[in-house]
Amino acid sequence: MNKTELIEHIAKQADISKAAATRALEALISGVKSTLKKNGSVAIAGFGTFAVTKRAARTGRNPRTGAAIKIKAAKVPKFRPGKALKDAV
């Protein structure tokens, strides 16, 4: 399912226009992004939790030359599914 199909699904399920569904989805995505930028987490009961984790610096390999390269530490977004989502799948 891509973003367009998700918007259509939201519009149909909530009985709202596609424009309103688009605004709702964009607001959700924007809220999650801004919270994660502040190192917060977003927990949606029955769905899961979005959080920021730290990835340590490590040594990698250039696939073409095989030379060792240093990869900097980074903050990355993670999603942990909730029990209800796990059970549904």
N, C-alpha and C. Protein backbone atom coordinates (compact mmCIF):
# COMPACT_ATOMS: atom_id res chain seq x y z
N MET A 1 0.86 -1.17 0.00
CA MET A 1 0.00 0.00 0.00
C MET A 1 0.90 1.23 0.00
N ASN A 2 0.66 2.14 -0.92
CA ASN A 2 1.43 3.38 -0.94
C ASN A 2 0.61 4.51 -0.32
N LYS A 3 1.16 5.71 -0.32
CA LYS A 3 0.52 6.84 0.35
C LYS A 3 -0.85 7.16 -0.26
N THR A 4 -0.95 7.13 -1.57
CA THR A 4 -2.22 7.43 -2.24
C THR A 4 -3.29 6.42 -1.86
N GLU A 5 -2.91 5.15 -1.84
CA GLU A 5 -3.87 4.10 -1.46
C GLU A 5 -4.28 4.23 0.00
N LEU A 6 -3.33 4.63 0.84
CA LEU A 6 -3.64 4.83 2.26
C LEU A 6 -4.62 5.99 2.43
N ILE A 7 -4.43 7.06 1.69
CA ILE A 7 -5.35 8.21 1.75
C ILE A 7 -6.75 7.78 1.31
N GLU A 8 -6.83 7.01 0.24
CA GLU A 8 -8.14 6.51 -0.23
C GLU A 8 -8.80 5.64 0.83
N HIS A 9 -8.01 4.79 1.49
CA HIS A 9 -8.54 3.92 2.53
C HIS A 9 -9.05 4.73 3.72
N ILE A 10 -8.28 5.73 4.15
CA ILE A 10 -8.69 6.59 5.27
C ILE A 10 -9.98 7.32 4.91
N ALA A 11 -10.05 7.87 3.71
CA ALA A 11 -11.24 8.62 3.27
C ALA A 11 -12.48 7.72 3.28
N LYS A 12 -12.32 6.50 2.81
CA LYS A 12 -13.45 5.57 2.75
C LYS A 12 -13.88 5.13 4.14
N GLN A 13 -12.91 4.75 4.99
CA GLN A 13 -13.23 4.27 6.33
C GLN A 13 -13.82 5.35 7.23
N ALA A 14 -13.30 6.57 7.11
CA ALA A 14 -13.76 7.66 7.98
C ALA A 14 -14.91 8.44 7.35
N ASP A 15 -15.28 8.08 6.12
CA ASP A 15 -16.35 8.76 5.40
C ASP A 15 -16.08 10.27 5.31
N ILE A 16 -14.86 10.59 4.86
CA ILE A 16 -14.47 11.99 4.66
C ILE A 16 -13.89 12.12 3.25
N SER A 17 -13.68 13.35 2.83
CA SER A 17 -13.14 13.57 1.49
C SER A 17 -11.67 13.17 1.45
N LYS A 18 -11.18 12.95 0.23
CA LYS A 18 -9.76 12.60 0.07
C LYS A 18 -8.88 13.77 0.51
N ALA A 19 -9.35 14.99 0.30
CA ALA A 19 -8.57 16.17 0.72
C ALA A 19 -8.44 16.20 2.24
N ALA A 20 -9.52 15.90 2.94
CA ALA A 20 -9.47 15.88 4.41
C ALA A 20 -8.60 14.73 4.90
N ALA A 21 -8.67 13.59 4.23
CA ALA A 21 -7.84 12.44 4.60
C ALA A 21 -6.36 12.75 4.37
N THR A 22 -6.07 13.46 3.29
CA THR A 22 -4.69 13.86 2.99
C THR A 22 -4.17 14.78 4.08
N ARG A 23 -4.98 15.77 4.48
CA ARG A 23 -4.57 16.69 5.54
C ARG A 23 -4.36 15.95 6.86
N ALA A 24 -5.22 14.99 7.16
CA ALA A 24 -5.08 14.23 8.40
C ALA A 24 -3.80 13.39 8.40
N LEU A 25 -3.52 12.73 7.30
CA LEU A 25 -2.32 11.91 7.20
C LEU A 25 -1.06 12.78 7.27
N GLU A 26 -1.07 13.90 6.57
CA GLU A 26 0.08 14.83 6.60
C GLU A 26 0.29 15.36 8.01
N ALA A 27 -0.79 15.65 8.73
CA ALA A 27 -0.68 16.14 10.11
C ALA A 27 -0.07 15.06 11.01
N LEU A 28 -0.46 13.82 10.82
CA LEU A 28 0.10 12.71 11.59
C LEU A 28 1.59 12.57 11.32
N ILE A 29 1.96 12.55 10.06
CA ILE A 29 3.37 12.41 9.69
C ILE A 29 4.19 13.57 10.23
N SER A 30 3.66 14.78 10.10
CA SER A 30 4.35 15.97 10.59
C SER A 30 4.54 15.92 12.10
N GLY A 31 3.52 15.48 12.83
CA GLY A 31 3.60 15.37 14.28
C GLY A 31 4.64 14.35 14.72
N VAL A 32 4.69 13.21 14.03
CA VAL A 32 5.67 12.18 14.37
C VAL A 32 7.09 12.70 14.08
N LYS A 33 7.28 13.34 12.91
CA LYS A 33 8.60 13.87 12.56
C LYS A 33 9.08 14.90 13.57
N SER A 34 8.22 15.85 13.92
CA SER A 34 8.65 16.92 14.82
C SER A 34 8.95 16.37 16.22
N THR A 35 8.20 15.39 16.67
CA THR A 35 8.47 14.79 17.98
C THR A 35 9.78 14.02 17.97
N LEU A 36 10.04 13.27 16.90
CA LEU A 36 11.29 12.51 16.81
C LEU A 36 12.50 13.43 16.69
N LYS A 37 12.34 14.58 16.03
CA LYS A 37 13.43 15.55 15.94
C LYS A 37 13.84 16.05 17.31
N LYS A 38 12.89 16.11 18.24
CA LYS A 38 13.16 16.58 19.60
C LYS A 38 13.57 15.41 20.50
N ASN A 39 13.92 14.27 19.91
CA ASN A 39 14.31 13.05 20.63
C ASN A 39 13.18 12.48 21.49
N GLY A 40 11.94 12.77 21.14
CA GLY A 40 10.80 12.22 21.86
C GLY A 40 10.38 10.90 21.23
N SER A 41 9.29 10.36 21.72
CA SER A 41 8.74 9.15 21.12
C SER A 41 7.23 9.32 20.99
N VAL A 42 6.66 8.60 20.03
CA VAL A 42 5.22 8.65 19.78
C VAL A 42 4.67 7.24 19.95
N ALA A 43 3.79 7.07 20.93
CA ALA A 43 3.18 5.76 21.18
C ALA A 43 1.71 5.82 20.77
N ILE A 44 1.32 4.93 19.89
CA ILE A 44 -0.07 4.82 19.45
C ILE A 44 -0.58 3.48 19.97
N ALA A 45 -1.49 3.54 20.94
CA ALA A 45 -1.99 2.32 21.57
C ALA A 45 -2.59 1.39 20.53
N GLY A 46 -2.22 0.13 20.60
CA GLY A 46 -2.74 -0.87 19.67
C GLY A 46 -2.01 -0.90 18.35
N PHE A 47 -1.09 0.02 18.12
CA PHE A 47 -0.35 0.08 16.86
C PHE A 47 1.14 -0.10 17.09
N GLY A 48 1.76 0.83 17.82
CA GLY A 48 3.19 0.71 18.08
C GLY A 48 3.79 2.01 18.55
N THR A 49 5.12 2.03 18.63
CA THR A 49 5.85 3.18 19.14
C THR A 49 6.95 3.58 18.17
N PHE A 50 7.00 4.87 17.86
CA PHE A 50 8.08 5.44 17.07
C PHE A 50 9.04 6.09 18.05
N ALA A 51 10.33 5.81 17.92
CA ALA A 51 11.33 6.37 18.83
C ALA A 51 12.63 6.60 18.08
N VAL A 52 13.53 7.38 18.69
CA VAL A 52 14.85 7.63 18.12
C VAL A 52 15.86 6.81 18.91
N THR A 53 16.73 6.10 18.20
CA THR A 53 17.80 5.36 18.86
C THR A 53 19.14 5.83 18.28
N LYS A 54 20.19 5.57 19.03
CA LYS A 54 21.53 5.95 18.59
C LYS A 54 22.21 4.74 17.98
N ARG A 55 22.82 4.96 16.83
CA ARG A 55 23.60 3.92 16.18
C ARG A 55 25.07 4.29 16.39
N ALA A 56 25.83 3.38 16.94
CA ALA A 56 27.23 3.65 17.26
C ALA A 56 28.06 3.78 15.98
N ALA A 57 29.20 4.48 16.11
CA ALA A 57 30.15 4.56 15.00
C ALA A 57 30.71 3.17 14.75
N ARG A 58 30.99 2.88 13.50
CA ARG A 58 31.49 1.55 13.17
C ARG A 58 32.37 1.61 11.93
N THR A 59 33.03 0.53 11.65
CA THR A 59 33.87 0.43 10.47
C THR A 59 33.12 -0.39 9.43
N GLY A 60 33.08 0.15 8.21
CA GLY A 60 32.42 -0.55 7.11
C GLY A 60 33.41 -0.83 6.01
N ARG A 61 32.93 -1.38 4.94
CA ARG A 61 33.79 -1.70 3.79
C ARG A 61 33.21 -1.08 2.53
N ASN A 62 34.09 -0.51 1.71
CA ASN A 62 33.69 -0.02 0.40
C ASN A 62 33.51 -1.26 -0.47
N PRO A 63 32.30 -1.50 -1.01
CA PRO A 63 32.07 -2.73 -1.77
C PRO A 63 32.91 -2.83 -3.05
N ARG A 64 33.30 -1.70 -3.63
CA ARG A 64 34.10 -1.76 -4.86
C ARG A 64 35.56 -2.10 -4.59
N THR A 65 36.12 -1.43 -3.58
CA THR A 65 37.56 -1.60 -3.35
C THR A 65 37.88 -2.51 -2.17
N GLY A 66 36.94 -2.71 -1.29
CA GLY A 66 37.18 -3.52 -0.11
C GLY A 66 37.90 -2.74 0.99
N ALA A 67 38.17 -1.46 0.74
CA ALA A 67 38.86 -0.64 1.73
C ALA A 67 37.97 -0.36 2.93
N ALA A 68 38.56 -0.31 4.11
CA ALA A 68 37.82 -0.02 5.34
C ALA A 68 37.49 1.47 5.37
N ILE A 69 36.26 1.79 5.76
CA ILE A 69 35.85 3.19 5.91
C ILE A 69 35.18 3.35 7.27
N LYS A 70 35.28 4.56 7.80
CA LYS A 70 34.65 4.85 9.08
C LYS A 70 33.25 5.39 8.83
N ILE A 71 32.28 4.83 9.54
CA ILE A 71 30.90 5.29 9.46
C ILE A 71 30.59 5.98 10.78
N LYS A 72 30.16 7.25 10.68
CA LYS A 72 29.91 8.04 11.89
C LYS A 72 28.70 7.53 12.66
N ALA A 73 28.68 7.86 13.94
CA ALA A 73 27.51 7.56 14.78
C ALA A 73 26.33 8.37 14.25
N ALA A 74 25.13 7.85 14.44
CA ALA A 74 23.94 8.54 13.93
C ALA A 74 22.74 8.26 14.81
N LYS A 75 21.77 9.16 14.75
CA LYS A 75 20.48 8.93 15.39
C LYS A 75 19.54 8.44 14.29
N VAL A 76 18.83 7.35 14.55
CA VAL A 76 17.94 6.78 13.54
C VAL A 76 16.55 6.53 14.12
N PRO A 77 15.50 6.70 13.30
CA PRO A 77 14.16 6.40 13.78
C PRO A 77 13.93 4.89 13.80
N LYS A 78 13.18 4.44 14.81
CA LYS A 78 12.84 3.02 14.92
C LYS A 78 11.34 2.91 15.18
N PHE A 79 10.76 1.82 14.73
CA PHE A 79 9.36 1.53 15.01
C PHE A 79 9.29 0.20 15.72
N ARG A 80 8.60 0.18 16.84
CA ARG A 80 8.38 -1.06 17.60
C ARG A 80 6.89 -1.35 17.55
N PRO A 81 6.46 -2.41 16.88
CA PRO A 81 5.03 -2.71 16.79
C PRO A 81 4.45 -3.11 18.15
N GLY A 82 3.20 -2.74 18.35
CA GLY A 82 2.50 -3.09 19.58
C GLY A 82 1.93 -4.50 19.50
N LYS A 83 1.44 -4.98 20.63
CA LYS A 83 0.93 -6.35 20.71
C LYS A 83 -0.25 -6.57 19.77
N ALA A 84 -1.16 -5.61 19.70
CA ALA A 84 -2.34 -5.77 18.83
C ALA A 84 -1.93 -5.89 17.37
N LEU A 85 -0.94 -5.11 16.96
CA LEU A 85 -0.48 -5.18 15.56
C LEU A 85 0.21 -6.52 15.30
N LYS A 86 1.02 -6.98 16.24
CA LYS A 86 1.70 -8.27 16.10
C LYS A 86 0.68 -9.40 15.99
N ASP A 87 -0.36 -9.34 16.83
CA ASP A 87 -1.38 -10.37 16.81
C ASP A 87 -2.19 -10.36 15.51
N ALA A 88 -2.40 -9.16 14.95
CA ALA A 88 -3.17 -9.05 13.71
C ALA A 88 -2.42 -9.62 12.52
N VAL A 89 -1.10 -9.55 12.58
CA VAL A 89 -0.27 -10.03 11.47
C VAL A 89 0.00 -11.49 11.69
